[in-house]
Amino acid sequence: MLMKNILVTGGCGFIGSNFIRFLLEESNYQGKVINLDALTYAANPESLADIAERYPQRYTFVRADICDKEALQEVFEEHPIDAICHFAAESHVDRSISGPGAFIQTNLIGTFNLLEMARHYQERIALFHHVSTDEVFGSLGAEGFFTESTPYKPNSPYSASKAGSDHLVRAYHKTYGLPVTISNCSNNYGPCQFPEKLIPLIILNAREGKSLPVYGDGSNVRDWLYVTDHCRAIWLIMTEGKHGETYNVGGDNEMANLQVVESICDIVDRLAGPLPEGPRRQLITFVKDRPGHDWRYAIDFSKIRSSLNWEPTETFDTGLEKTVRWYLDNTTWVERVRSGEYRAWIEKQYGE
């Protein structure tokens, strides 16, 4: 079955908006994209404003919540959706600690609703691709890597809710024969990421000479994946992956949080010029660690490398340089997000 009408849930979020841009600008996909997003706080349709203008026949935006079954029904009735790429999720660990309820609703109930809709229209669904995270596997010690067979051991409400959604997707394949694929990725970074996340937060604070908060002693390790590399991997999985299979997607860029922050400081110093008081590294401030903070994540992506011939094209140095430049060059986008002006624009365009 060919994919001619792809539903992208959460397409106004960070990875979702980059994926839609990749589909329409860089991939071999010739069909239509229906972007379904509830437009919660971290979603910004302005990230795709130029896409909407340049691809009016191929791009459609629908404001709807995957937790709203009636709204989903309307979307599937109005559009001949034949594939789903499911990004929509609450994704910030800190917010899941202070308010876990929204994560259970969106990541579990919302995914269940979407799976039920796909099952109802199963005769026309070529694929349900579910985008997940390496956080479902828990925490690693100093050595080893997460593989597709690593047992799940989530340690935060966020990762637990994503683990549950992974299991639901896999169960719908086994029980109902729904054609599915799943990807578990490492930490993404790149353009259009909401400023609460580590890399954009540090870039913007460094630019302005503000304090640069680092949890604990900064030794927690993450594997960093440039978002466009991730989008390319997802599309390969959707077009060439085996149904029912899970694929780990990593950047091969393990880095302690403190190293990440120091690298950003050095790039901002070089691109924006040093502060009068000296290098930006002196702005680093160690703060109380996050509860249940996983120490290390690292992805073994040998399966997707060997079976689909994918590997990341960006090193951490090249990807981080591109990311810092994007945030320094796109001050209008940044300021509209930080000031909340983008929310006023959303309500004017799409209503409550």
C-alpha atoms as a PDB file:
ATOM      1  CA  MET A   1       0.000   0.000   0.000  1.00  0.00           C
ATOM      2  CA  LEU A   2       1.246   3.456  -0.897  1.00  0.00           C
ATOM      3  CA  MET A   3       1.179   6.321   1.596  1.00  0.00           C
ATOM      4  CA  LYS A   4      -0.561   9.279  -0.028  1.00  0.00           C
ATOM      5  CA  ASN A   5      -2.162  11.012   2.969  1.00  0.00           C
ATOM      6  CA  ILE A   6      -0.008  10.959   6.104  1.00  0.00           C
ATOM      7  CA  LEU A   7      -1.484  12.122   9.402  1.00  0.00           C
ATOM      8  CA  VAL A   8       1.259  13.651  11.545  1.00  0.00           C
ATOM      9  CA  THR A   9       0.135  14.090  15.139  1.00  0.00           C
ATOM     10  CA  GLY A  10       1.915  16.763  17.153  1.00  0.00           C
ATOM     11  CA  GLY A  11       3.199  18.316  13.946  1.00  0.00           C
ATOM     12  CA  CYS A  12       3.578  21.775  15.475  1.00  0.00           C
ATOM     13  CA  GLY A  13       5.971  20.508  18.118  1.00  0.00           C
ATOM     14  CA  PHE A  14       9.742  20.395  17.847  1.00  0.00           C
ATOM     15  CA  ILE A  15      10.376  17.058  16.129  1.00  0.00           C
ATOM     16  CA  GLY A  16       6.988  16.951  14.395  1.00  0.00           C
ATOM     17  CA  SER A  17       7.458  20.306  12.672  1.00  0.00           C
ATOM     18  CA  ASN A  18      10.954  19.319  11.566  1.00  0.00           C
ATOM     19  CA  PHE A  19       9.579  16.028  10.215  1.00  0.00           C
ATOM     20  CA  ILE A  20       6.876  17.784   8.180  1.00  0.00           C
ATOM     21  CA  ARG A  21       9.487  20.162   6.788  1.00  0.00           C
ATOM     22  CA  PHE A  22      11.708  17.192   5.931  1.00  0.00           C
ATOM     23  CA  LEU A  23       8.842  15.332   4.210  1.00  0.00           C
ATOM     24  CA  LEU A  24       7.871  18.244   1.990  1.00  0.00           C
ATOM     25  CA  GLU A  25      11.296  19.769   1.343  1.00  0.00           C
ATOM     26  CA  GLU A  26      13.837  16.964   1.384  1.00  0.00           C
ATOM     27  CA  SER A  27      12.252  13.515   1.058  1.00  0.00           C
ATOM     28  CA  ASN A  28      10.887  11.630  -1.949  1.00  0.00           C
ATOM     29  CA  TYR A  29       7.343  11.798  -0.571  1.00  0.00           C
ATOM     30  CA  GLN A  30       4.841  13.168  -3.104  1.00  0.00           C
ATOM     31  CA  GLY A  31       1.609  12.950  -1.131  1.00  0.00           C
ATOM     32  CA  LYS A  32      -0.253  15.129   1.363  1.00  0.00           C
ATOM     33  CA  VAL A  33       0.412  15.862   5.033  1.00  0.00           C
ATOM     34  CA  ILE A  34      -2.389  16.421   7.539  1.00  0.00           C
ATOM     35  CA  ASN A  35      -0.923  18.018  10.649  1.00  0.00           C
ATOM     36  CA  LEU A  36      -3.064  17.396  13.728  1.00  0.00           C
ATOM     37  CA  ASP A  37      -2.049  19.295  16.850  1.00  0.00           C
ATOM     38  CA  ALA A  38      -3.875  20.422  19.995  1.00  0.00           C
ATOM     39  CA  LEU A  39      -1.597  23.496  20.181  1.00  0.00           C
ATOM     40  CA  THR A  40      -0.646  23.093  23.821  1.00  0.00           C
ATOM     41  CA  TYR A  41       2.077  25.338  25.228  1.00  0.00           C
ATOM     42  CA  ALA A  42       5.064  23.823  23.360  1.00  0.00           C
ATOM     43  CA  ALA A  43       3.368  23.723  19.947  1.00  0.00           C
ATOM     44  CA  ASN A  44       3.961  26.580  17.553  1.00  0.00           C
ATOM     45  CA  PRO A  45       2.337  26.629  14.083  1.00  0.00           C
ATOM     46  CA  GLU A  46       4.507  29.646  13.232  1.00  0.00           C
ATOM     47  CA  SER A  47       7.352  27.143  12.853  1.00  0.00           C
ATOM     48  CA  LEU A  48       5.558  25.927   9.710  1.00  0.00           C
ATOM     49  CA  ALA A  49       4.136  29.226   8.442  1.00  0.00           C
ATOM     50  CA  ASP A  50       6.280  29.151   5.298  1.00  0.00           C
ATOM     51  CA  ILE A  51       5.365  25.508   4.664  1.00  0.00           C
ATOM     52  CA  ALA A  52       1.661  26.376   4.757  1.00  0.00           C
ATOM     53  CA  GLU A  53       2.263  29.145   2.207  1.00  0.00           C
ATOM     54  CA  ARG A  54       4.484  27.151  -0.148  1.00  0.00           C
ATOM     55  CA  TYR A  55       2.571  23.844  -0.119  1.00  0.00           C
ATOM     56  CA  PRO A  56      -1.130  24.803   0.084  1.00  0.00           C
ATOM     57  CA  GLN A  57      -2.230  21.747  -1.926  1.00  0.00           C
ATOM     58  CA  ARG A  58      -0.152  19.289   0.087  1.00  0.00           C
ATOM     59  CA  TYR A  59      -0.263  20.612   3.664  1.00  0.00           C
ATOM     60  CA  THR A  60      -3.345  20.865   5.888  1.00  0.00           C
ATOM     61  CA  PHE A  61      -3.449  21.882   9.530  1.00  0.00           C
ATOM     62  CA  VAL A  62      -6.168  20.691  11.902  1.00  0.00           C
ATOM     63  CA  ARG A  63      -6.393  21.852  15.494  1.00  0.00           C
ATOM     64  CA  ALA A  64      -7.578  18.847  17.469  1.00  0.00           C
ATOM     65  CA  ASP A  65      -6.641  16.827  20.532  1.00  0.00           C
ATOM     66  CA  ILE A  66      -5.886  13.119  20.284  1.00  0.00           C
ATOM     67  CA  CYS A  67      -7.721  12.759  23.599  1.00  0.00           C
ATOM     68  CA  ASP A  68     -10.921  13.920  21.826  1.00  0.00           C
ATOM     69  CA  LYS A  69     -12.376  10.849  20.112  1.00  0.00           C
ATOM     70  CA  GLU A  70     -15.083  12.779  18.265  1.00  0.00           C
ATOM     71  CA  ALA A  71     -12.567  15.246  16.848  1.00  0.00           C
ATOM     72  CA  LEU A  72     -10.375  12.358  15.664  1.00  0.00           C
ATOM     73  CA  GLN A  73     -13.386  10.733  14.018  1.00  0.00           C
ATOM     74  CA  GLU A  74     -14.100  13.919  12.081  1.00  0.00           C
ATOM     75  CA  VAL A  75     -10.518  14.119  10.846  1.00  0.00           C
ATOM     76  CA  PHE A  76     -10.529  10.516   9.608  1.00  0.00           C
ATOM     77  CA  GLU A  77     -13.888  11.020   7.920  1.00  0.00           C
ATOM     78  CA  GLU A  78     -12.820  14.235   6.186  1.00  0.00           C
ATOM     79  CA  HIS A  79      -9.375  13.101   5.036  1.00  0.00           C
ATOM     80  CA  PRO A  80      -8.470   9.777   3.342  1.00  0.00           C
ATOM     81  CA  ILE A  81      -5.673   9.115   5.831  1.00  0.00           C
ATOM     82  CA  ASP A  82      -3.670   6.022   4.953  1.00  0.00           C
ATOM     83  CA  ALA A  83      -0.652   6.399   7.259  1.00  0.00           C
ATOM     84  CA  ILE A  84       0.017   7.856  10.695  1.00  0.00           C
ATOM     85  CA  CYS A  85       3.230   9.207  12.180  1.00  0.00           C
ATOM     86  CA  HIS A  86       2.525   9.722  15.867  1.00  0.00           C
ATOM     87  CA  PHE A  87       4.604  12.375  17.636  1.00  0.00           C
ATOM     88  CA  ALA A  88       1.908  13.960  19.826  1.00  0.00           C
ATOM     89  CA  ALA A  89       2.997  13.657  23.453  1.00  0.00           C
ATOM     90  CA  GLU A  90       3.717  15.525  26.620  1.00  0.00           C
ATOM     91  CA  SER A  91       7.484  15.244  26.743  1.00  0.00           C
ATOM     92  CA  HIS A  92       9.172  17.335  29.421  1.00  0.00           C
ATOM     93  CA  VAL A  93      10.400  15.239  32.371  1.00  0.00           C
ATOM     94  CA  ASP A  94      10.329  18.110  34.872  1.00  0.00           C
ATOM     95  CA  ARG A  95       6.702  18.868  34.035  1.00  0.00           C
ATOM     96  CA  SER A  96       5.807  15.189  34.398  1.00  0.00           C
ATOM     97  CA  ILE A  97       7.174  15.257  37.943  1.00  0.00           C
ATOM     98  CA  SER A  98       5.109  18.280  38.973  1.00  0.00           C
ATOM     99  CA  GLY A  99       1.983  17.369  36.964  1.00  0.00           C
ATOM    100  CA  PRO A 100       1.848  13.734  35.807  1.00  0.00           C
ATOM    101  CA  GLY A 101      -1.874  13.680  34.965  1.00  0.00           C
ATOM    102  CA  ALA A 102      -1.507  15.372  31.576  1.00  0.00           C
ATOM    103  CA  PHE A 103       1.145  12.819  30.601  1.00  0.00           C
ATOM    104  CA  ILE A 104      -1.154   9.896  31.364  1.00  0.00           C
ATOM    105  CA  GLN A 105      -3.999  11.482  29.401  1.00  0.00           C
ATOM    106  CA  THR A 106      -2.070  12.427  26.271  1.00  0.00           C
ATOM    107  CA  ASN A 107       0.572   9.733  26.070  1.00  0.00           C
ATOM    108  CA  LEU A 108      -1.616   6.785  27.080  1.00  0.00           C
ATOM    109  CA  ILE A 109      -5.272   7.677  26.482  1.00  0.00           C
ATOM    110  CA  GLY A 110      -4.461   9.779  23.416  1.00  0.00           C
ATOM    111  CA  THR A 111      -2.385   7.002  21.862  1.00  0.00           C
ATOM    112  CA  PHE A 112      -5.147   4.494  22.638  1.00  0.00           C
ATOM    113  CA  ASN A 113      -7.717   6.723  20.893  1.00  0.00           C
ATOM    114  CA  LEU A 114      -5.500   7.032  17.843  1.00  0.00           C
ATOM    115  CA  LEU A 115      -4.909   3.271  17.696  1.00  0.00           C
ATOM    116  CA  GLU A 116      -8.628   2.633  17.930  1.00  0.00           C
ATOM    117  CA  MET A 117      -9.239   5.046  15.057  1.00  0.00           C
ATOM    118  CA  ALA A 118      -6.561   3.318  12.977  1.00  0.00           C
ATOM    119  CA  ARG A 119      -8.148  -0.051  13.773  1.00  0.00           C
ATOM    120  CA  HIS A 120     -11.569   1.249  12.699  1.00  0.00           C
ATOM    121  CA  TYR A 121     -10.133   2.352   9.336  1.00  0.00           C
ATOM    122  CA  GLN A 122      -7.631  -0.502   9.150  1.00  0.00           C
ATOM    123  CA  GLU A 123      -8.493  -1.484   5.575  1.00  0.00           C
ATOM    124  CA  ARG A 124      -6.913   1.747   4.322  1.00  0.00           C
ATOM    125  CA  ILE A 125      -4.085   2.149   6.865  1.00  0.00           C
ATOM    126  CA  ALA A 126      -0.690   1.260   5.401  1.00  0.00           C
ATOM    127  CA  LEU A 127       1.243   2.090   8.562  1.00  0.00           C
ATOM    128  CA  PHE A 128       1.037   3.416  12.110  1.00  0.00           C
ATOM    129  CA  HIS A 129       4.479   4.677  13.113  1.00  0.00           C
ATOM    130  CA  HIS A 130       4.959   5.461  16.793  1.00  0.00           C
ATOM    131  CA  VAL A 131       7.774   7.800  17.858  1.00  0.00           C
ATOM    132  CA  SER A 132       9.120   7.018  21.324  1.00  0.00           C
ATOM    133  CA  THR A 133      12.158   7.638  23.502  1.00  0.00           C
ATOM    134  CA  ASP A 134      15.162   5.819  24.960  1.00  0.00           C
ATOM    135  CA  GLU A 135      13.988   6.935  28.407  1.00  0.00           C
ATOM    136  CA  VAL A 136      11.616   3.944  28.516  1.00  0.00           C
ATOM    137  CA  PHE A 137      14.691   1.757  29.149  1.00  0.00           C
ATOM    138  CA  GLY A 138      15.650   3.560  32.345  1.00  0.00           C
ATOM    139  CA  SER A 139      19.232   4.412  33.240  1.00  0.00           C
ATOM    140  CA  LEU A 140      22.612   2.942  32.262  1.00  0.00           C
ATOM    141  CA  GLY A 141      25.801   2.678  34.262  1.00  0.00           C
ATOM    142  CA  ALA A 142      29.174   3.741  32.948  1.00  0.00           C
ATOM    143  CA  GLU A 143      29.169   1.089  30.226  1.00  0.00           C
ATOM    144  CA  GLY A 144      26.728  -0.573  27.836  1.00  0.00           C
ATOM    145  CA  PHE A 145      24.031   0.587  25.434  1.00  0.00           C
ATOM    146  CA  PHE A 146      20.278   0.336  25.051  1.00  0.00           C
ATOM    147  CA  THR A 147      19.279  -2.167  22.372  1.00  0.00           C
ATOM    148  CA  GLU A 148      15.851  -3.010  20.986  1.00  0.00           C
ATOM    149  CA  SER A 149      15.699  -5.955  23.419  1.00  0.00           C
ATOM    150  CA  THR A 150      16.636  -3.984  26.556  1.00  0.00           C
ATOM    151  CA  PRO A 151      13.933  -4.501  29.229  1.00  0.00           C
ATOM    152  CA  TYR A 152      11.777  -1.472  29.946  1.00  0.00           C
ATOM    153  CA  LYS A 153      12.468   0.247  33.269  1.00  0.00           C
ATOM    154  CA  PRO A 154      11.090   3.808  33.153  1.00  0.00           C
ATOM    155  CA  ASN A 155      11.946   6.105  36.060  1.00  0.00           C
ATOM    156  CA  SER A 156       9.745   9.173  35.555  1.00  0.00           C
ATOM    157  CA  PRO A 157       6.015   9.676  34.921  1.00  0.00           C
ATOM    158  CA  TYR A 158       6.961  10.844  31.418  1.00  0.00           C
ATOM    159  CA  SER A 159       8.991   7.751  30.525  1.00  0.00           C
ATOM    160  CA  ALA A 160       6.427   5.451  32.163  1.00  0.00           C
ATOM    161  CA  SER A 161       3.649   6.947  30.052  1.00  0.00           C
ATOM    162  CA  LYS A 162       5.743   6.546  26.888  1.00  0.00           C
ATOM    163  CA  ALA A 163       6.558   2.960  27.834  1.00  0.00           C
ATOM    164  CA  GLY A 164       2.858   2.268  28.190  1.00  0.00           C
ATOM    165  CA  SER A 165       2.122   3.753  24.787  1.00  0.00           C
ATOM    166  CA  ASP A 166       4.868   1.621  23.204  1.00  0.00           C
ATOM    167  CA  HIS A 167       3.245  -1.490  24.669  1.00  0.00           C
ATOM    168  CA  LEU A 168      -0.175  -0.450  23.361  1.00  0.00           C
ATOM    169  CA  VAL A 169       1.147   0.010  19.826  1.00  0.00           C
ATOM    170  CA  ARG A 170       2.914  -3.348  19.904  1.00  0.00           C
ATOM    171  CA  ALA A 171      -0.217  -5.025  21.290  1.00  0.00           C
ATOM    172  CA  TYR A 172      -2.399  -3.631  18.490  1.00  0.00           C
ATOM    173  CA  HIS A 173      -0.026  -5.162  15.960  1.00  0.00           C
ATOM    174  CA  LYS A 174      -0.040  -8.562  17.663  1.00  0.00           C
ATOM    175  CA  THR A 175      -3.751  -8.623  18.518  1.00  0.00           C
ATOM    176  CA  TYR A 176      -5.375  -6.869  15.559  1.00  0.00           C
ATOM    177  CA  GLY A 177      -2.728  -7.100  12.852  1.00  0.00           C
ATOM    178  CA  LEU A 178      -2.386  -3.326  12.639  1.00  0.00           C
ATOM    179  CA  PRO A 179       0.713  -2.501  10.556  1.00  0.00           C
ATOM    180  CA  VAL A 180       3.001  -0.670  12.977  1.00  0.00           C
ATOM    181  CA  THR A 181       6.598   0.346  13.464  1.00  0.00           C
ATOM    182  CA  ILE A 182       8.148   1.900  16.571  1.00  0.00           C
ATOM    183  CA  SER A 183      11.268   4.019  16.985  1.00  0.00           C
ATOM    184  CA  ASN A 184      13.022   4.842  20.252  1.00  0.00           C
ATOM    185  CA  CYS A 185      15.339   7.809  19.912  1.00  0.00           C
ATOM    186  CA  SER A 186      17.983   9.501  22.013  1.00  0.00           C
ATOM    187  CA  ASN A 187      17.904  13.208  22.972  1.00  0.00           C
ATOM    188  CA  ASN A 188      17.035  15.416  20.005  1.00  0.00           C
ATOM    189  CA  TYR A 189      18.303  18.947  19.422  1.00  0.00           C
ATOM    190  CA  GLY A 190      18.077  21.463  16.592  1.00  0.00           C
ATOM    191  CA  PRO A 191      15.868  24.318  15.292  1.00  0.00           C
ATOM    192  CA  CYS A 192      12.453  25.157  16.772  1.00  0.00           C
ATOM    193  CA  GLN A 193      12.879  23.358  20.095  1.00  0.00           C
ATOM    194  CA  PHE A 194      10.922  24.938  22.952  1.00  0.00           C
ATOM    195  CA  PRO A 195      13.268  27.009  25.151  1.00  0.00           C
ATOM    196  CA  GLU A 196      12.613  25.000  28.339  1.00  0.00           C
ATOM    197  CA  LYS A 197      14.846  22.189  27.032  1.00  0.00           C
ATOM    198  CA  LEU A 198      18.529  22.114  27.940  1.00  0.00           C
ATOM    199  CA  ILE A 199      20.244  23.150  24.703  1.00  0.00           C
ATOM    200  CA  PRO A 200      17.977  26.066  23.659  1.00  0.00           C
ATOM    201  CA  LEU A 201      17.724  27.261  27.274  1.00  0.00           C
ATOM    202  CA  ILE A 202      21.498  27.395  27.604  1.00  0.00           C
ATOM    203  CA  ILE A 203      21.956  29.051  24.191  1.00  0.00           C
ATOM    204  CA  LEU A 204      19.505  31.828  24.995  1.00  0.00           C
ATOM    205  CA  ASN A 205      20.723  32.391  28.547  1.00  0.00           C
ATOM    206  CA  ALA A 206      24.319  32.447  27.317  1.00  0.00           C
ATOM    207  CA  ARG A 207      23.457  34.971  24.637  1.00  0.00           C
ATOM    208  CA  GLU A 208      21.966  37.262  27.278  1.00  0.00           C
ATOM    209  CA  GLY A 209      24.619  36.726  29.934  1.00  0.00           C
ATOM    210  CA  LYS A 210      22.227  34.983  32.335  1.00  0.00           C
ATOM    211  CA  SER A 211      22.918  32.135  34.750  1.00  0.00           C
ATOM    212  CA  LEU A 212      23.356  28.720  33.105  1.00  0.00           C
ATOM    213  CA  PRO A 213      21.734  26.125  35.409  1.00  0.00           C
ATOM    214  CA  VAL A 214      23.158  22.594  35.400  1.00  0.00           C
ATOM    215  CA  TYR A 215      21.588  19.782  37.443  1.00  0.00           C
ATOM    216  CA  GLY A 216      23.771  18.188  40.121  1.00  0.00           C
ATOM    217  CA  ASP A 217      27.432  18.133  39.119  1.00  0.00           C
ATOM    218  CA  GLY A 218      26.694  17.995  35.378  1.00  0.00           C
ATOM    219  CA  SER A 219      27.952  14.420  34.988  1.00  0.00           C
ATOM    220  CA  ASN A 220      24.681  12.964  33.643  1.00  0.00           C
ATOM    221  CA  VAL A 221      25.295  11.626  30.138  1.00  0.00           C
ATOM    222  CA  ARG A 222      23.016  11.784  27.098  1.00  0.00           C
ATOM    223  CA  ASP A 223      23.374  10.636  23.493  1.00  0.00           C
ATOM    224  CA  TRP A 224      22.565  13.635  21.289  1.00  0.00           C
ATOM    225  CA  LEU A 225      20.776  13.259  17.950  1.00  0.00           C
ATOM    226  CA  TYR A 226      20.368  16.122  15.479  1.00  0.00           C
ATOM    227  CA  VAL A 227      16.688  16.413  14.632  1.00  0.00           C
ATOM    228  CA  THR A 228      17.047  16.201  10.831  1.00  0.00           C
ATOM    229  CA  ASP A 229      19.007  12.956  11.168  1.00  0.00           C
ATOM    230  CA  HIS A 230      16.131  11.653  13.295  1.00  0.00           C
ATOM    231  CA  CYS A 231      13.547  12.703  10.687  1.00  0.00           C
ATOM    232  CA  ARG A 232      15.469  10.906   7.966  1.00  0.00           C
ATOM    233  CA  ALA A 233      15.563   7.774  10.124  1.00  0.00           C
ATOM    234  CA  ILE A 234      11.816   7.899  10.763  1.00  0.00           C
ATOM    235  CA  TRP A 235      11.072   8.178   7.055  1.00  0.00           C
ATOM    236  CA  LEU A 236      13.360   5.228   6.297  1.00  0.00           C
ATOM    237  CA  ILE A 237      11.579   3.152   8.929  1.00  0.00           C
ATOM    238  CA  MET A 238       8.178   4.152   7.537  1.00  0.00           C
ATOM    239  CA  THR A 239       9.097   3.293   3.952  1.00  0.00           C
ATOM    240  CA  GLU A 240      11.501   0.375   4.347  1.00  0.00           C
ATOM    241  CA  GLY A 241      11.112  -0.911   7.912  1.00  0.00           C
ATOM    242  CA  LYS A 242       9.508  -4.237   8.801  1.00  0.00           C
ATOM    243  CA  HIS A 243       6.040  -4.121  10.340  1.00  0.00           C
ATOM    244  CA  GLY A 244       5.959  -5.009  14.006  1.00  0.00           C
ATOM    245  CA  GLU A 245       9.600  -4.082  14.489  1.00  0.00           C
ATOM    246  CA  THR A 246      11.228  -1.539  16.799  1.00  0.00           C
ATOM    247  CA  TYR A 247      14.247   0.502  15.734  1.00  0.00           C
ATOM    248  CA  ASN A 248      16.593   2.416  18.026  1.00  0.00           C
ATOM    249  CA  VAL A 249      17.797   5.742  16.615  1.00  0.00           C
ATOM    250  CA  GLY A 250      20.856   7.368  18.203  1.00  0.00           C
ATOM    251  CA  GLY A 251      23.337  10.079  17.387  1.00  0.00           C
ATOM    252  CA  ASP A 252      26.542   8.331  18.444  1.00  0.00           C
ATOM    253  CA  ASN A 253      27.267  11.478  20.453  1.00  0.00           C
ATOM    254  CA  GLU A 254      27.527  10.685  24.157  1.00  0.00           C
ATOM    255  CA  MET A 255      28.140  13.831  26.159  1.00  0.00           C
ATOM    256  CA  ALA A 256      27.944  14.820  29.816  1.00  0.00           C
ATOM    257  CA  ASN A 257      25.558  17.714  30.428  1.00  0.00           C
ATOM    258  CA  LEU A 258      28.389  19.906  31.660  1.00  0.00           C
ATOM    259  CA  GLN A 259      30.328  19.301  28.425  1.00  0.00           C
ATOM    260  CA  VAL A 260      27.266  20.293  26.409  1.00  0.00           C
ATOM    261  CA  VAL A 261      26.887  23.543  28.324  1.00  0.00           C
ATOM    262  CA  GLU A 262      30.582  24.347  28.032  1.00  0.00           C
ATOM    263  CA  SER A 263      30.511  23.713  24.274  1.00  0.00           C
ATOM    264  CA  ILE A 264      27.542  26.047  23.871  1.00  0.00           C
ATOM    265  CA  CYS A 265      29.359  28.744  25.869  1.00  0.00           C
ATOM    266  CA  ASP A 266      32.376  28.509  23.584  1.00  0.00           C
ATOM    267  CA  ILE A 267      30.293  28.696  20.383  1.00  0.00           C
ATOM    268  CA  VAL A 268      28.246  31.656  21.622  1.00  0.00           C
ATOM    269  CA  ASP A 269      31.445  33.434  22.687  1.00  0.00           C
ATOM    270  CA  ARG A 270      32.819  32.944  19.183  1.00  0.00           C
ATOM    271  CA  LEU A 271      29.661  33.866  17.255  1.00  0.00           C
ATOM    272  CA  ALA A 272      28.219  36.631  19.440  1.00  0.00           C
ATOM    273  CA  GLY A 273      31.440  37.926  20.960  1.00  0.00           C
ATOM    274  CA  PRO A 274      32.535  37.574  24.586  1.00  0.00           C
ATOM    275  CA  LEU A 275      30.772  39.300  27.456  1.00  0.00           C
ATOM    276  CA  PRO A 276      32.470  42.334  29.039  1.00  0.00           C
ATOM    277  CA  GLU A 277      33.034  40.295  32.208  1.00  0.00           C
ATOM    278  CA  GLY A 278      34.689  37.404  30.353  1.00  0.00           C
ATOM    279  CA  PRO A 279      33.932  33.939  28.907  1.00  0.00           C
ATOM    280  CA  ARG A 280      30.420  32.591  29.317  1.00  0.00           C
ATOM    281  CA  ARG A 281      31.614  29.441  31.082  1.00  0.00           C
ATOM    282  CA  GLN A 282      31.759  31.510  34.267  1.00  0.00           C
ATOM    283  CA  LEU A 283      27.933  31.760  34.117  1.00  0.00           C
ATOM    284  CA  ILE A 284      27.541  28.019  34.809  1.00  0.00           C
ATOM    285  CA  THR A 285      25.659  27.408  38.059  1.00  0.00           C
ATOM    286  CA  PHE A 286      25.085  23.973  39.594  1.00  0.00           C
ATOM    287  CA  VAL A 287      21.551  23.524  40.942  1.00  0.00           C
ATOM    288  CA  LYS A 288      19.739  20.838  42.960  1.00  0.00           C
ATOM    289  CA  ASP A 289      19.441  17.654  40.954  1.00  0.00           C
ATOM    290  CA  ARG A 290      16.173  16.519  39.388  1.00  0.00           C
ATOM    291  CA  PRO A 291      14.337  13.766  41.370  1.00  0.00           C
ATOM    292  CA  GLY A 292      15.019  10.348  39.872  1.00  0.00           C
ATOM    293  CA  HIS A 293      17.465  11.824  37.367  1.00  0.00           C
ATOM    294  CA  ASP A 294      18.667   9.000  35.070  1.00  0.00           C
ATOM    295  CA  TRP A 295      22.464   9.034  34.987  1.00  0.00           C
ATOM    296  CA  ARG A 296      23.253   7.858  31.478  1.00  0.00           C
ATOM    297  CA  TYR A 297      21.475   7.045  28.217  1.00  0.00           C
ATOM    298  CA  ALA A 298      23.278   5.562  25.213  1.00  0.00           C
ATOM    299  CA  ILE A 299      21.749   4.004  22.100  1.00  0.00           C
ATOM    300  CA  ASP A 300      22.958   1.034  20.090  1.00  0.00           C
ATOM    301  CA  PHE A 301      21.545   1.752  16.626  1.00  0.00           C
ATOM    302  CA  SER A 302      23.295  -1.092  14.811  1.00  0.00           C
ATOM    303  CA  LYS A 303      19.924  -2.563  13.752  1.00  0.00           C
ATOM    304  CA  ILE A 304      18.811   0.444  11.718  1.00  0.00           C
ATOM    305  CA  ARG A 305      22.354   0.898  10.434  1.00  0.00           C
ATOM    306  CA  SER A 306      22.607  -2.666   9.118  1.00  0.00           C
ATOM    307  CA  SER A 307      19.003  -3.208   7.977  1.00  0.00           C
ATOM    308  CA  LEU A 308      18.138   0.231   6.562  1.00  0.00           C
ATOM    309  CA  ASN A 309      21.593   1.674   5.904  1.00  0.00           C
ATOM    310  CA  TRP A 310      21.005   4.683   8.170  1.00  0.00           C
ATOM    311  CA  GLU A 311      23.499   6.514  10.298  1.00  0.00           C
ATOM    312  CA  PRO A 312      23.687  10.111  11.531  1.00  0.00           C
ATOM    313  CA  THR A 313      25.298  12.651   9.226  1.00  0.00           C
ATOM    314  CA  GLU A 314      25.868  15.324  11.878  1.00  0.00           C
ATOM    315  CA  THR A 315      28.545  15.105  14.526  1.00  0.00           C
ATOM    316  CA  PHE A 316      27.764  16.821  17.796  1.00  0.00           C
ATOM    317  CA  ASP A 317      30.113  19.667  16.850  1.00  0.00           C
ATOM    318  CA  THR A 318      28.487  20.308  13.458  1.00  0.00           C
ATOM    319  CA  GLY A 319      24.933  19.871  14.748  1.00  0.00           C
ATOM    320  CA  LEU A 320      25.477  22.087  17.771  1.00  0.00           C
ATOM    321  CA  GLU A 321      27.031  24.821  15.627  1.00  0.00           C
ATOM    322  CA  LYS A 322      23.980  24.745  13.312  1.00  0.00           C
ATOM    323  CA  THR A 323      21.650  24.842  16.309  1.00  0.00           C
ATOM    324  CA  VAL A 324      23.356  27.773  18.025  1.00  0.00           C
ATOM    325  CA  ARG A 325      23.408  29.719  14.760  1.00  0.00           C
ATOM    326  CA  TRP A 326      19.690  29.061  14.244  1.00  0.00           C
ATOM    327  CA  TYR A 327      18.745  30.440  17.660  1.00  0.00           C
ATOM    328  CA  LEU A 328      21.005  33.469  17.265  1.00  0.00           C
ATOM    329  CA  ASP A 329      19.634  34.172  13.772  1.00  0.00           C
ATOM    330  CA  ASN A 330      15.936  33.622  14.530  1.00  0.00           C
ATOM    331  CA  THR A 331      15.397  36.102  17.326  1.00  0.00           C
ATOM    332  CA  THR A 332      11.837  36.930  16.214  1.00  0.00           C
ATOM    333  CA  TRP A 333      10.719  33.307  16.611  1.00  0.00           C
ATOM    334  CA  VAL A 334      12.522  33.098  19.944  1.00  0.00           C
ATOM    335  CA  GLU A 335      11.083  36.286  21.387  1.00  0.00           C
ATOM    336  CA  ARG A 336       7.533  35.495  20.282  1.00  0.00           C
ATOM    337  CA  VAL A 337       7.775  32.145  22.062  1.00  0.00           C
ATOM    338  CA  ARG A 338       9.382  33.499  25.217  1.00  0.00           C
ATOM    339  CA  SER A 339       7.008  36.461  25.497  1.00  0.00           C
ATOM    340  CA  GLY A 340       3.909  34.397  24.796  1.00  0.00           C
ATOM    341  CA  GLU A 341       2.999  36.417  21.694  1.00  0.00           C
ATOM    342  CA  TYR A 342       2.782  33.199  19.692  1.00  0.00           C
ATOM    343  CA  ARG A 343      -0.109  32.097  21.952  1.00  0.00           C
ATOM    344  CA  ALA A 344      -2.075  35.254  21.162  1.00  0.00           C
ATOM    345  CA  TRP A 345      -1.484  34.618  17.459  1.00  0.00           C
ATOM    346  CA  ILE A 346      -2.702  31.034  17.841  1.00  0.00           C
ATOM    347  CA  GLU A 347      -5.928  32.084  19.523  1.00  0.00           C
ATOM    348  CA  LYS A 348      -6.521  34.765  16.889  1.00  0.00           C
ATOM    349  CA  GLN A 349      -5.947  32.274  14.065  1.00  0.00           C
ATOM    350  CA  TYR A 350      -7.583  29.163  15.510  1.00  0.00           C
ATOM    351  CA  GLY A 351      -9.718  30.241  18.461  1.00  0.00           C
ATOM    352  CA  GLU A 352      -9.872  28.666  21.888  1.00  0.00           C
END
